[in-house]
Amino acid sequence: SREISEVGAHNQRSLVRVQIRYREHVWLEDLIATVESCASAPVY
């Protein structure tokens, strides 16, 4: 949308669902921050 539009681009809210098994404890805060860093932008 951004490539073909002269003005603007369509965006949306998305939902990422992640499941993990770990060897040592992984904090929910760190897991969530990892996911948010992989999007176009976080949600506040």
PDB file of all heavy atoms in Angstrom:
ATOM      1  N   SER A   1       0.826  -1.202   0.000  1.00  0.00           N
ATOM      2  CA  SER A   1       0.000   0.000   0.000  1.00  0.00           C
ATOM      3  C   SER A   1       0.864   1.258   0.000  1.00  0.00           C
ATOM      4  O   SER A   1       0.588   2.215  -0.736  1.00  0.00           O
ATOM      5  CB  SER A   1      -0.916  -0.010   1.226  1.00  0.00           C
ATOM      6  OG  SER A   1      -1.654   1.175   1.316  1.00  0.00           O
ATOM      7  N   ARG A   2       1.921   1.261   0.791  1.00  0.00           N
ATOM      8  CA  ARG A   2       2.798   2.429   0.829  1.00  0.00           C
ATOM      9  C   ARG A   2       3.506   2.636  -0.501  1.00  0.00           C
ATOM     10  O   ARG A   2       3.701   3.771  -0.959  1.00  0.00           O
ATOM     11  CB  ARG A   2       3.833   2.294   1.949  1.00  0.00           C
ATOM     12  CG  ARG A   2       4.486   3.623   2.327  1.00  0.00           C
ATOM     13  CD  ARG A   2       5.636   3.461   3.275  1.00  0.00           C
ATOM     14  NE  ARG A   2       6.852   3.031   2.594  1.00  0.00           N
ATOM     15  CZ  ARG A   2       8.088   3.218   3.061  1.00  0.00           C
ATOM     16  NH1 ARG A   2       8.258   3.822   4.235  1.00  0.00           N
ATOM     17  NH2 ARG A   2       9.123   2.796   2.405  1.00  0.00           N
ATOM     18  N   GLU A   3       3.888   1.539  -1.156  1.00  0.00           N
ATOM     19  CA  GLU A   3       4.626   1.610  -2.414  1.00  0.00           C
ATOM     20  C   GLU A   3       3.780   2.181  -3.546  1.00  0.00           C
ATOM     21  O   GLU A   3       4.275   2.936  -4.388  1.00  0.00           O
ATOM     22  CB  GLU A   3       5.121   0.208  -2.792  1.00  0.00           C
ATOM     23  CG  GLU A   3       5.985   0.146  -4.039  1.00  0.00           C
ATOM     24  CD  GLU A   3       7.345   0.805  -3.849  1.00  0.00           C
ATOM     25  OE1 GLU A   3       7.796   0.937  -2.687  1.00  0.00           O
ATOM     26  OE2 GLU A   3       7.952   1.198  -4.874  1.00  0.00           O
ATOM     27  N   ILE A   4       2.495   1.834  -3.586  1.00  0.00           N
ATOM     28  CA  ILE A   4       1.664   2.206  -4.733  1.00  0.00           C
ATOM     29  C   ILE A   4       0.847   3.468  -4.497  1.00  0.00           C
ATOM     30  O   ILE A   4       0.232   3.989  -5.432  1.00  0.00           O
ATOM     31  CB  ILE A   4       0.713   1.057  -5.126  1.00  0.00           C
ATOM     32  CG1 ILE A   4      -0.287   0.762  -3.993  1.00  0.00           C
ATOM     33  CG2 ILE A   4       1.497  -0.199  -5.487  1.00  0.00           C
ATOM     34  CD1 ILE A   4      -1.312  -0.317  -4.333  1.00  0.00           C
ATOM     35  N   SER A   5       0.836   3.983  -3.269  1.00  0.00           N
ATOM     36  CA  SER A   5       0.003   5.141  -2.960  1.00  0.00           C
ATOM     37  C   SER A   5       0.824   6.419  -2.973  1.00  0.00           C
ATOM     38  O   SER A   5       1.957   6.455  -2.486  1.00  0.00           O
ATOM     39  CB  SER A   5      -0.650   4.976  -1.573  1.00  0.00           C
ATOM     40  OG  SER A   5      -1.434   3.808  -1.530  1.00  0.00           O
ATOM     41  N   GLU A   6       0.239   7.481  -3.536  1.00  0.00           N
ATOM     42  CA  GLU A   6       0.916   8.773  -3.530  1.00  0.00           C
ATOM     43  C   GLU A   6       0.865   9.410  -2.144  1.00  0.00           C
ATOM     44  O   GLU A   6       1.768  10.139  -1.750  1.00  0.00           O
ATOM     45  CB  GLU A   6       0.264   9.705  -4.556  1.00  0.00           C
ATOM     46  CG  GLU A   6       0.468   9.264  -6.008  1.00  0.00           C
ATOM     47  CD  GLU A   6      -0.089  10.266  -6.992  1.00  0.00           C
ATOM     48  OE1 GLU A   6      -0.474  11.377  -6.543  1.00  0.00           O
ATOM     49  OE2 GLU A   6      -0.145   9.948  -8.186  1.00  0.00           O
ATOM     50  N   VAL A   7      -0.203   9.141  -1.411  1.00  0.00           N
ATOM     51  CA  VAL A   7      -0.367   9.701  -0.072  1.00  0.00           C
ATOM     52  C   VAL A   7      -0.832   8.591   0.872  1.00  0.00           C
ATOM     53  O   VAL A   7      -1.818   7.914   0.600  1.00  0.00           O
ATOM     54  CB  VAL A   7      -1.414  10.841  -0.062  1.00  0.00           C
ATOM     55  CG1 VAL A   7      -1.578  11.378   1.362  1.00  0.00           C
ATOM     56  CG2 VAL A   7      -1.023  11.945  -1.019  1.00  0.00           C
ATOM     57  N   GLY A   8      -0.109   8.377   1.960  1.00  0.00           N
ATOM     58  CA  GLY A   8      -0.543   7.454   2.993  1.00  0.00           C
ATOM     59  C   GLY A   8      -0.354   5.997   2.639  1.00  0.00           C
ATOM     60  O   GLY A   8       0.190   5.623   1.598  1.00  0.00           O
ATOM     61  N   ALA A   9      -0.856   5.153   3.534  1.00  0.00           N
ATOM     62  CA  ALA A   9      -0.807   3.702   3.366  1.00  0.00           C
ATOM     63  C   ALA A   9      -1.754   3.099   4.405  1.00  0.00           C
ATOM     64  O   ALA A   9      -1.916   3.656   5.488  1.00  0.00           O
ATOM     65  CB  ALA A   9       0.600   3.164   3.572  1.00  0.00           C
ATOM     66  N   HIS A  10      -2.358   1.971   4.067  1.00  0.00           N
ATOM     67  CA  HIS A  10      -3.298   1.400   5.037  1.00  0.00           C
ATOM     68  C   HIS A  10      -2.533   0.623   6.110  1.00  0.00           C
ATOM     69  O   HIS A  10      -1.559  -0.064   5.842  1.00  0.00           O
ATOM     70  CB  HIS A  10      -4.359   0.536   4.334  1.00  0.00           C
ATOM     71  CG  HIS A  10      -3.994  -0.886   4.086  1.00  0.00           C
ATOM     72  ND1 HIS A  10      -4.114  -1.865   5.042  1.00  0.00           N
ATOM     73  CD2 HIS A  10      -3.550  -1.506   2.963  1.00  0.00           C
ATOM     74  CE1 HIS A  10      -3.743  -3.024   4.525  1.00  0.00           C
ATOM     75  NE2 HIS A  10      -3.391  -2.839   3.270  1.00  0.00           N
ATOM     76  N   ASN A  11      -3.003   0.795   7.330  1.00  0.00           N
ATOM     77  CA  ASN A  11      -2.422   0.046   8.444  1.00  0.00           C
ATOM     78  C   ASN A  11      -3.535  -0.521   9.299  1.00  0.00           C
ATOM     79  O   ASN A  11      -4.715  -0.215   9.094  1.00  0.00           O
ATOM     80  CB  ASN A  11      -1.454   0.895   9.267  1.00  0.00           C
ATOM     81  CG  ASN A  11      -2.102   2.124   9.847  1.00  0.00           C
ATOM     82  OD1 ASN A  11      -3.325   2.263   9.868  1.00  0.00           O
ATOM     83  ND2 ASN A  11      -1.287   3.057  10.325  1.00  0.00           N
ATOM     84  N   GLN A  12      -3.160  -1.362  10.237  1.00  0.00           N
ATOM     85  CA  GLN A  12      -4.155  -2.039  11.052  1.00  0.00           C
ATOM     86  C   GLN A  12      -3.530  -2.505  12.360  1.00  0.00           C
ATOM     87  O   GLN A  12      -2.312  -2.581  12.481  1.00  0.00           O
ATOM     88  CB  GLN A  12      -4.752  -3.245  10.331  1.00  0.00           C
ATOM     89  CG  GLN A  12      -3.759  -4.252   9.799  1.00  0.00           C
ATOM     90  CD  GLN A  12      -3.282  -3.920   8.400  1.00  0.00           C
ATOM     91  OE1 GLN A  12      -4.063  -3.518   7.549  1.00  0.00           O
ATOM     92  NE2 GLN A  12      -1.998  -4.066   8.169  1.00  0.00           N
ATOM     93  N   ARG A  13      -4.408  -2.831  13.286  1.00  0.00           N
ATOM     94  CA  ARG A  13      -3.925  -3.503  14.488  1.00  0.00           C
ATOM     95  C   ARG A  13      -3.752  -4.978  14.151  1.00  0.00           C
ATOM     96  O   ARG A  13      -4.569  -5.577  13.452  1.00  0.00           O
ATOM     97  CB  ARG A  13      -4.908  -3.349  15.642  1.00  0.00           C
ATOM     98  CG  ARG A  13      -4.342  -3.873  16.970  1.00  0.00           C
ATOM     99  CD  ARG A  13      -5.347  -3.794  18.094  1.00  0.00           C
ATOM    100  NE  ARG A  13      -5.775  -2.412  18.335  1.00  0.00           N
ATOM    101  CZ  ARG A  13      -6.654  -2.077  19.277  1.00  0.00           C
ATOM    102  NH1 ARG A  13      -7.198  -3.022  20.029  1.00  0.00           N
ATOM    103  NH2 ARG A  13      -6.999  -0.822  19.442  1.00  0.00           N
ATOM    104  N   SER A  14      -2.684  -5.550  14.662  1.00  0.00           N
ATOM    105  CA  SER A  14      -2.392  -6.964  14.458  1.00  0.00           C
ATOM    106  C   SER A  14      -2.237  -7.634  15.815  1.00  0.00           C
ATOM    107  O   SER A  14      -1.991  -6.968  16.832  1.00  0.00           O
ATOM    108  CB  SER A  14      -1.101  -7.133  13.647  1.00  0.00           C
ATOM    109  OG  SER A  14      -1.198  -6.455  12.411  1.00  0.00           O
ATOM    110  N   LEU A  15      -2.362  -8.947  15.820  1.00  0.00           N
ATOM    111  CA  LEU A  15      -2.186  -9.701  17.053  1.00  0.00           C
ATOM    112  C   LEU A  15      -1.160 -10.796  16.817  1.00  0.00           C
ATOM    113  O   LEU A  15      -1.322 -11.632  15.919  1.00  0.00           O
ATOM    114  CB  LEU A  15      -3.501 -10.333  17.505  1.00  0.00           C
ATOM    115  CG  LEU A  15      -3.465 -11.040  18.868  1.00  0.00           C
ATOM    116  CD1 LEU A  15      -3.244 -10.024  19.994  1.00  0.00           C
ATOM    117  CD2 LEU A  15      -4.745 -11.822  19.109  1.00  0.00           C
ATOM    118  N   VAL A  16      -0.099 -10.769  17.619  1.00  0.00           N
ATOM    119  CA  VAL A  16       0.918 -11.811  17.563  1.00  0.00           C
ATOM    120  C   VAL A  16       0.735 -12.699  18.798  1.00  0.00           C
ATOM    121  O   VAL A  16       0.738 -12.213  19.927  1.00  0.00           O
ATOM    122  CB  VAL A  16       2.340 -11.221  17.545  1.00  0.00           C
ATOM    123  CG1 VAL A  16       3.374 -12.345  17.502  1.00  0.00           C
ATOM    124  CG2 VAL A  16       2.518 -10.289  16.351  1.00  0.00           C
ATOM    125  N   ARG A  17       0.575 -13.980  18.552  1.00  0.00           N
ATOM    126  CA  ARG A  17       0.462 -14.958  19.642  1.00  0.00           C
ATOM    127  C   ARG A  17       1.711 -15.821  19.627  1.00  0.00           C
ATOM    128  O   ARG A  17       2.018 -16.454  18.618  1.00  0.00           O
ATOM    129  CB  ARG A  17      -0.782 -15.822  19.463  1.00  0.00           C
ATOM    130  CG  ARG A  17      -0.971 -16.858  20.586  1.00  0.00           C
ATOM    131  CD  ARG A  17      -2.199 -17.723  20.368  1.00  0.00           C
ATOM    132  NE  ARG A  17      -3.422 -16.934  20.432  1.00  0.00           N
ATOM    133  CZ  ARG A  17      -4.179 -16.618  19.378  1.00  0.00           C
ATOM    134  NH1 ARG A  17      -3.829 -17.036  18.161  1.00  0.00           N
ATOM    135  NH2 ARG A  17      -5.264 -15.901  19.517  1.00  0.00           N
ATOM    136  N   VAL A  18       2.437 -15.834  20.735  1.00  0.00           N
ATOM    137  CA  VAL A  18       3.683 -16.589  20.789  1.00  0.00           C
ATOM    138  C   VAL A  18       3.634 -17.559  21.973  1.00  0.00           C
ATOM    139  O   VAL A  18       3.243 -17.178  23.081  1.00  0.00           O
ATOM    140  CB  VAL A  18       4.911 -15.651  20.871  1.00  0.00           C
ATOM    141  CG1 VAL A  18       4.835 -14.718  22.060  1.00  0.00           C
ATOM    142  CG2 VAL A  18       6.210 -16.430  20.900  1.00  0.00           C
ATOM    143  N   GLN A  19       3.990 -18.800  21.714  1.00  0.00           N
ATOM    144  CA  GLN A  19       4.123 -19.829  22.751  1.00  0.00           C
ATOM    145  C   GLN A  19       5.578 -20.283  22.785  1.00  0.00           C
ATOM    146  O   GLN A  19       6.193 -20.441  21.725  1.00  0.00           O
ATOM    147  CB  GLN A  19       3.234 -21.031  22.464  1.00  0.00           C
ATOM    148  CG  GLN A  19       1.750 -20.768  22.509  1.00  0.00           C
ATOM    149  CD  GLN A  19       0.947 -22.034  22.258  1.00  0.00           C
ATOM    150  OE1 GLN A  19       1.335 -22.885  21.464  1.00  0.00           O
ATOM    151  NE2 GLN A  19      -0.179 -22.168  22.928  1.00  0.00           N
ATOM    152  N   ILE A  20       6.103 -20.509  23.987  1.00  0.00           N
ATOM    153  CA  ILE A  20       7.492 -20.960  24.096  1.00  0.00           C
ATOM    154  C   ILE A  20       7.620 -22.039  25.163  1.00  0.00           C
ATOM    155  O   ILE A  20       6.849 -22.093  26.127  1.00  0.00           O
ATOM    156  CB  ILE A  20       8.462 -19.805  24.432  1.00  0.00           C
ATOM    157  CG1 ILE A  20       8.160 -19.227  25.826  1.00  0.00           C
ATOM    158  CG2 ILE A  20       8.438 -18.734  23.360  1.00  0.00           C
ATOM    159  CD1 ILE A  20       9.249 -18.292  26.342  1.00  0.00           C
ATOM    160  N   ARG A  21       8.608 -22.905  24.979  1.00  0.00           N
ATOM    161  CA  ARG A  21       9.168 -23.734  26.042  1.00  0.00           C
ATOM    162  C   ARG A  21      10.578 -23.221  26.274  1.00  0.00           C
ATOM    163  O   ARG A  21      11.279 -22.869  25.319  1.00  0.00           O
ATOM    164  CB  ARG A  21       9.202 -25.208  25.640  1.00  0.00           C
ATOM    165  CG  ARG A  21       7.836 -25.860  25.492  1.00  0.00           C
ATOM    166  CD  ARG A  21       7.965 -27.352  25.205  1.00  0.00           C
ATOM    167  NE  ARG A  21       6.668 -28.018  25.166  1.00  0.00           N
ATOM    168  CZ  ARG A  21       6.002 -28.293  24.055  1.00  0.00           C
ATOM    169  NH1 ARG A  21       6.518 -27.968  22.868  1.00  0.00           N
ATOM    170  NH2 ARG A  21       4.820 -28.889  24.110  1.00  0.00           N
ATOM    171  N   TYR A  22      11.010 -23.167  27.523  1.00  0.00           N
ATOM    172  CA  TYR A  22      12.335 -22.619  27.792  1.00  0.00           C
ATOM    173  C   TYR A  22      13.141 -23.524  28.715  1.00  0.00           C
ATOM    174  O   TYR A  22      12.596 -24.331  29.457  1.00  0.00           O
ATOM    175  CB  TYR A  22      12.252 -21.205  28.363  1.00  0.00           C
ATOM    176  CG  TYR A  22      11.394 -21.040  29.603  1.00  0.00           C
ATOM    177  CD1 TYR A  22      11.753 -21.613  30.818  1.00  0.00           C
ATOM    178  CD2 TYR A  22      10.243 -20.270  29.561  1.00  0.00           C
ATOM    179  CE1 TYR A  22      10.997 -21.432  31.952  1.00  0.00           C
ATOM    180  CE2 TYR A  22       9.462 -20.085  30.704  1.00  0.00           C
ATOM    181  CZ  TYR A  22       9.847 -20.670  31.888  1.00  0.00           C
ATOM    182  OH  TYR A  22       9.083 -20.497  33.015  1.00  0.00           O
ATOM    183  N   ARG A  23      14.475 -23.361  28.623  1.00  0.00           N
ATOM    184  CA  ARG A  23      15.392 -24.101  29.492  1.00  0.00           C
ATOM    185  C   ARG A  23      15.542 -23.395  30.836  1.00  0.00           C
ATOM    186  O   ARG A  23      15.594 -24.016  31.879  1.00  0.00           O
ATOM    187  CB  ARG A  23      16.756 -24.230  28.802  1.00  0.00           C
ATOM    188  CG  ARG A  23      16.680 -24.962  27.454  1.00  0.00           C
ATOM    189  CD  ARG A  23      18.037 -25.023  26.776  1.00  0.00           C
ATOM    190  NE  ARG A  23      17.954 -25.668  25.474  1.00  0.00           N
ATOM    191  CZ  ARG A  23      17.734 -25.021  24.331  1.00  0.00           C
ATOM    192  NH1 ARG A  23      17.601 -23.703  24.345  1.00  0.00           N
ATOM    193  NH2 ARG A  23      17.661 -25.671  23.186  1.00  0.00           N
ATOM    194  N   GLU A  24      15.681 -22.092  30.796  1.00  0.00           N
ATOM    195  CA  GLU A  24      15.732 -21.246  31.985  1.00  0.00           C
ATOM    196  C   GLU A  24      14.637 -20.197  31.851  1.00  0.00           C
ATOM    197  O   GLU A  24      14.138 -19.934  30.760  1.00  0.00           O
ATOM    198  CB  GLU A  24      17.106 -20.586  32.121  1.00  0.00           C
ATOM    199  CG  GLU A  24      18.252 -21.556  32.317  1.00  0.00           C
ATOM    200  CD  GLU A  24      18.199 -22.279  33.655  1.00  0.00           C
ATOM    201  OE1 GLU A  24      17.547 -21.743  34.590  1.00  0.00           O
ATOM    202  OE2 GLU A  24      18.791 -23.377  33.755  1.00  0.00           O
ATOM    203  N   HIS A  25      14.282 -19.594  32.968  1.00  0.00           N
ATOM    204  CA  HIS A  25      13.126 -18.695  33.000  1.00  0.00           C
ATOM    205  C   HIS A  25      13.251 -17.559  31.986  1.00  0.00           C
ATOM    206  O   HIS A  25      14.308 -16.931  31.853  1.00  0.00           O
ATOM    207  CB  HIS A  25      12.966 -18.112  34.404  1.00  0.00           C
ATOM    208  CG  HIS A  25      11.762 -17.235  34.549  1.00  0.00           C
ATOM    209  ND1 HIS A  25      10.484 -17.733  34.571  1.00  0.00           N
ATOM    210  CD2 HIS A  25      11.648 -15.888  34.646  1.00  0.00           C
ATOM    211  CE1 HIS A  25       9.625 -16.738  34.698  1.00  0.00           C
ATOM    212  NE2 HIS A  25      10.305 -15.607  34.752  1.00  0.00           N
ATOM    213  N   VAL A  26      12.169 -17.304  31.275  1.00  0.00           N
ATOM    214  CA  VAL A  26      12.054 -16.159  30.367  1.00  0.00           C
ATOM    215  C   VAL A  26      10.928 -15.273  30.895  1.00  0.00           C
ATOM    216  O   VAL A  26       9.794 -15.735  31.075  1.00  0.00           O
ATOM    217  CB  VAL A  26      11.749 -16.609  28.926  1.00  0.00           C
ATOM    218  CG1 VAL A  26      11.494 -15.397  28.024  1.00  0.00           C
ATOM    219  CG2 VAL A  26      12.906 -17.446  28.367  1.00  0.00           C
ATOM    220  N   TRP A  27      11.218 -14.010  31.145  1.00  0.00           N
ATOM    221  CA  TRP A  27      10.218 -13.085  31.682  1.00  0.00           C
ATOM    222  C   TRP A  27       9.177 -12.755  30.613  1.00  0.00           C
ATOM    223  O   TRP A  27       9.509 -12.557  29.440  1.00  0.00           O
ATOM    224  CB  TRP A  27      10.880 -11.796  32.144  1.00  0.00           C
ATOM    225  CG  TRP A  27      11.724 -11.950  33.372  1.00  0.00           C
ATOM    226  CD1 TRP A  27      13.075 -12.077  33.427  1.00  0.00           C
ATOM    227  CD2 TRP A  27      11.254 -12.004  34.725  1.00  0.00           C
ATOM    228  NE1 TRP A  27      13.493 -12.208  34.733  1.00  0.00           N
ATOM    229  CE2 TRP A  27      12.401 -12.163  35.551  1.00  0.00           C
ATOM    230  CE3 TRP A  27       9.996 -11.921  35.324  1.00  0.00           C
ATOM    231  CZ2 TRP A  27      12.310 -12.244  36.938  1.00  0.00           C
ATOM    232  CZ3 TRP A  27       9.902 -12.008  36.703  1.00  0.00           C
ATOM    233  CH2 TRP A  27      11.047 -12.163  37.493  1.00  0.00           C
ATOM    234  N   LEU A  28       7.922 -12.664  31.042  1.00  0.00           N
ATOM    235  CA  LEU A  28       6.869 -12.226  30.126  1.00  0.00           C
ATOM    236  C   LEU A  28       7.179 -10.847  29.560  1.00  0.00           C
ATOM    237  O   LEU A  28       6.933 -10.573  28.384  1.00  0.00           O
ATOM    238  CB  LEU A  28       5.518 -12.194  30.856  1.00  0.00           C
ATOM    239  CG  LEU A  28       4.735 -13.504  30.919  1.00  0.00           C
ATOM    240  CD1 LEU A  28       3.540 -13.356  31.856  1.00  0.00           C
ATOM    241  CD2 LEU A  28       4.278 -13.934  29.535  1.00  0.00           C
ATOM    242  N   GLU A  29       7.717  -9.969  30.400  1.00  0.00           N
ATOM    243  CA  GLU A  29       8.043  -8.617  29.938  1.00  0.00           C
ATOM    244  C   GLU A  29       9.022  -8.656  28.773  1.00  0.00           C
ATOM    245  O   GLU A  29       8.885  -7.894  27.794  1.00  0.00           O
ATOM    246  CB  GLU A  29       8.640  -7.801  31.093  1.00  0.00           C
ATOM    247  CG  GLU A  29       7.660  -7.418  32.185  1.00  0.00           C
ATOM    248  CD  GLU A  29       7.486  -8.496  33.247  1.00  0.00           C
ATOM    249  OE1 GLU A  29       7.951  -9.645  33.042  1.00  0.00           O
ATOM    250  OE2 GLU A  29       6.886  -8.195  34.289  1.00  0.00           O
ATOM    251  N   ASP A  30      10.029  -9.530  28.845  1.00  0.00           N
ATOM    252  CA  ASP A  30      11.033  -9.623  27.785  1.00  0.00           C
ATOM    253  C   ASP A  30      10.457 -10.255  26.527  1.00  0.00           C
ATOM    254  O   ASP A  30      10.768  -9.833  25.402  1.00  0.00           O
ATOM    255  CB  ASP A  30      12.238 -10.435  28.265  1.00  0.00           C
ATOM    256  CG  ASP A  30      12.991  -9.748  29.388  1.00  0.00           C
ATOM    257  OD1 ASP A  30      12.844  -8.507  29.528  1.00  0.00           O
ATOM    258  OD2 ASP A  30      13.718 -10.431  30.128  1.00  0.00           O
ATOM    259  N   LEU A  31       9.619 -11.267  26.703  1.00  0.00           N
ATOM    260  CA  LEU A  31       8.992 -11.912  25.555  1.00  0.00           C
ATOM    261  C   LEU A  31       8.096 -10.929  24.809  1.00  0.00           C
ATOM    262  O   LEU A  31       8.134 -10.846  23.573  1.00  0.00           O
ATOM    263  CB  LEU A  31       8.177 -13.114  26.037  1.00  0.00           C
ATOM    264  CG  LEU A  31       7.497 -13.966  24.969  1.00  0.00           C
ATOM    265  CD1 LEU A  31       8.512 -14.594  24.031  1.00  0.00           C
ATOM    266  CD2 LEU A  31       6.634 -15.051  25.622  1.00  0.00           C
ATOM    267  N   ILE A  32       7.311 -10.158  25.538  1.00  0.00           N
ATOM    268  CA  ILE A  32       6.413  -9.179  24.922  1.00  0.00           C
ATOM    269  C   ILE A  32       7.205  -8.080  24.231  1.00  0.00           C
ATOM    270  O   ILE A  32       6.883  -7.666  23.106  1.00  0.00           O
ATOM    271  CB  ILE A  32       5.467  -8.607  25.996  1.00  0.00           C
ATOM    272  CG1 ILE A  32       4.457  -9.693  26.416  1.00  0.00           C
ATOM    273  CG2 ILE A  32       4.751  -7.359  25.500  1.00  0.00           C
ATOM    274  CD1 ILE A  32       3.688  -9.372  27.679  1.00  0.00           C
ATOM    275  N   ALA A  33       8.270  -7.611  24.866  1.00  0.00           N
ATOM    276  CA  ALA A  33       9.103  -6.573  24.252  1.00  0.00           C
ATOM    277  C   ALA A  33       9.744  -7.068  22.958  1.00  0.00           C
ATOM    278  O   ALA A  33       9.872  -6.311  21.984  1.00  0.00           O
ATOM    279  CB  ALA A  33      10.172  -6.113  25.235  1.00  0.00           C
ATOM    280  N   THR A  34      10.149  -8.337  22.927  1.00  0.00           N
ATOM    281  CA  THR A  34      10.715  -8.909  21.705  1.00  0.00           C
ATOM    282  C   THR A  34       9.714  -8.854  20.570  1.00  0.00           C
ATOM    283  O   THR A  34      10.040  -8.456  19.436  1.00  0.00           O
ATOM    284  CB  THR A  34      11.148 -10.370  21.952  1.00  0.00           C
ATOM    285  OG1 THR A  34      12.213 -10.387  22.903  1.00  0.00           O
ATOM    286  CG2 THR A  34      11.605 -11.041  20.668  1.00  0.00           C
ATOM    287  N   VAL A  35       8.477  -9.259  20.850  1.00  0.00           N
ATOM    288  CA  VAL A  35       7.437  -9.250  19.816  1.00  0.00           C
ATOM    289  C   VAL A  35       7.177  -7.828  19.342  1.00  0.00           C
ATOM    290  O   VAL A  35       7.086  -7.568  18.133  1.00  0.00           O
ATOM    291  CB  VAL A  35       6.149  -9.895  20.350  1.00  0.00           C
ATOM    292  CG1 VAL A  35       5.005  -9.714  19.356  1.00  0.00           C
ATOM    293  CG2 VAL A  35       6.369 -11.375  20.636  1.00  0.00           C
ATOM    294  N   GLU A  36       7.060  -6.895  20.255  1.00  0.00           N
ATOM    295  CA  GLU A  36       6.745  -5.511  19.869  1.00  0.00           C
ATOM    296  C   GLU A  36       7.828  -4.902  18.999  1.00  0.00           C
ATOM    297  O   GLU A  36       7.548  -4.075  18.124  1.00  0.00           O
ATOM    298  CB  GLU A  36       6.521  -4.665  21.127  1.00  0.00           C
ATOM    299  CG  GLU A  36       5.236  -5.017  21.856  1.00  0.00           C
ATOM    300  CD  GLU A  36       5.013  -4.203  23.115  1.00  0.00           C
ATOM    301  OE1 GLU A  36       6.010  -3.735  23.707  1.00  0.00           O
ATOM    302  OE2 GLU A  36       3.851  -4.044  23.514  1.00  0.00           O
ATOM    303  N   SER A  37       9.058  -5.330  19.204  1.00  0.00           N
ATOM    304  CA  SER A  37      10.163  -4.781  18.404  1.00  0.00           C
ATOM    305  C   SER A  37      10.141  -5.285  16.964  1.00  0.00           C
ATOM    306  O   SER A  37      10.882  -4.775  16.128  1.00  0.00           O
ATOM    307  CB  SER A  37      11.503  -5.146  19.056  1.00  0.00           C
ATOM    308  OG  SER A  37      11.775  -6.537  18.931  1.00  0.00           O
ATOM    309  N   CYS A  38       9.303  -6.279  16.671  1.00  0.00           N
ATOM    310  CA  CYS A  38       9.260  -6.882  15.340  1.00  0.00           C
ATOM    311  C   CYS A  38       8.089  -6.384  14.499  1.00  0.00           C
ATOM    312  O   CYS A  38       7.840  -6.907  13.410  1.00  0.00           O
ATOM    313  CB  CYS A  38       9.171  -8.404  15.458  1.00  0.00           C
ATOM    314  SG  CYS A  38      10.594  -9.155  16.280  1.00  0.00           S
ATOM    315  N   ALA A  39       7.351  -5.395  14.999  1.00  0.00           N
ATOM    316  CA  ALA A  39       6.182  -4.873  14.296  1.00  0.00           C
ATOM    317  C   ALA A  39       6.504  -3.521  13.657  1.00  0.00           C
ATOM    318  O   ALA A  39       7.579  -2.949  13.870  1.00  0.00           O
ATOM    319  CB  ALA A  39       5.023  -4.738  15.273  1.00  0.00           C
ATOM    320  N   SER A  40       5.556  -2.997  12.889  1.00  0.00           N
ATOM    321  CA  SER A  40       5.734  -1.647  12.353  1.00  0.00           C
ATOM    322  C   SER A  40       5.801  -0.630  13.483  1.00  0.00           C
ATOM    323  O   SER A  40       6.581   0.321  13.435  1.00  0.00           O
ATOM    324  CB  SER A  40       4.578  -1.298  11.409  1.00  0.00           C
ATOM    325  OG  SER A  40       4.591  -2.131  10.262  1.00  0.00           O
ATOM    326  N   ALA A  41       4.985  -0.841  14.522  1.00  0.00           N
ATOM    327  CA  ALA A  41       5.012   0.017  15.710  1.00  0.00           C
ATOM    328  C   ALA A  41       4.292  -0.701  16.842  1.00  0.00           C
ATOM    329  O   ALA A  41       3.444  -1.560  16.595  1.00  0.00           O
ATOM    330  CB  ALA A  41       4.343   1.366  15.432  1.00  0.00           C
ATOM    331  N   PRO A  42       4.625  -0.359  18.091  1.00  0.00           N
ATOM    332  CA  PRO A  42       3.895  -0.937  19.223  1.00  0.00           C
ATOM    333  C   PRO A  42       2.517  -0.300  19.366  1.00  0.00           C
ATOM    334  O   PRO A  42       2.204   0.712  18.727  1.00  0.00           O
ATOM    335  CB  PRO A  42       4.780  -0.592  20.429  1.00  0.00           C
ATOM    336  CG  PRO A  42       6.050  -0.036  19.875  1.00  0.00           C
ATOM    337  CD  PRO A  42       5.733   0.491  18.531  1.00  0.00           C
ATOM    338  N   VAL A  43       1.708  -0.883  20.247  1.00  0.00           N
ATOM    339  CA  VAL A  43       0.420  -0.324  20.633  1.00  0.00           C
ATOM    340  C   VAL A  43       0.537   0.184  22.067  1.00  0.00           C
ATOM    341  O   VAL A  43       1.189  -0.451  22.903  1.00  0.00           O
ATOM    342  CB  VAL A  43      -0.695  -1.388  20.512  1.00  0.00           C
ATOM    343  CG1 VAL A  43      -1.985  -0.920  21.167  1.00  0.00           C
ATOM    344  CG2 VAL A  43      -0.945  -1.727  19.046  1.00  0.00           C
ATOM    345  N   TYR A  44      -0.097   1.325  22.349  1.00  0.00           N
ATOM    346  CA  TYR A  44      -0.039   1.930  23.675  1.00  0.00           C
ATOM    347  C   TYR A  44      -1.453   2.143  24.204  1.00  0.00           C
ATOM    348  O   TYR A  44      -2.410   2.273  23.429  1.00  0.00           O
ATOM    349  CB  TYR A  44       0.674   3.283  23.625  1.00  0.00           C
ATOM    350  CG  TYR A  44       2.114   3.222  23.187  1.00  0.00           C
ATOM    351  CD1 TYR A  44       2.446   3.223  21.828  1.00  0.00           C
ATOM    352  CD2 TYR A  44       3.151   3.185  24.114  1.00  0.00           C
ATOM    353  CE1 TYR A  44       3.766   3.171  21.415  1.00  0.00           C
ATOM    354  CE2 TYR A  44       4.475   3.141  23.711  1.00  0.00           C
ATOM    355  CZ  TYR A  44       4.776   3.133  22.356  1.00  0.00           C
ATOM    356  OH  TYR A  44       6.089   3.086  21.951  1.00  0.00           O
TER     357      TYR A  44
END
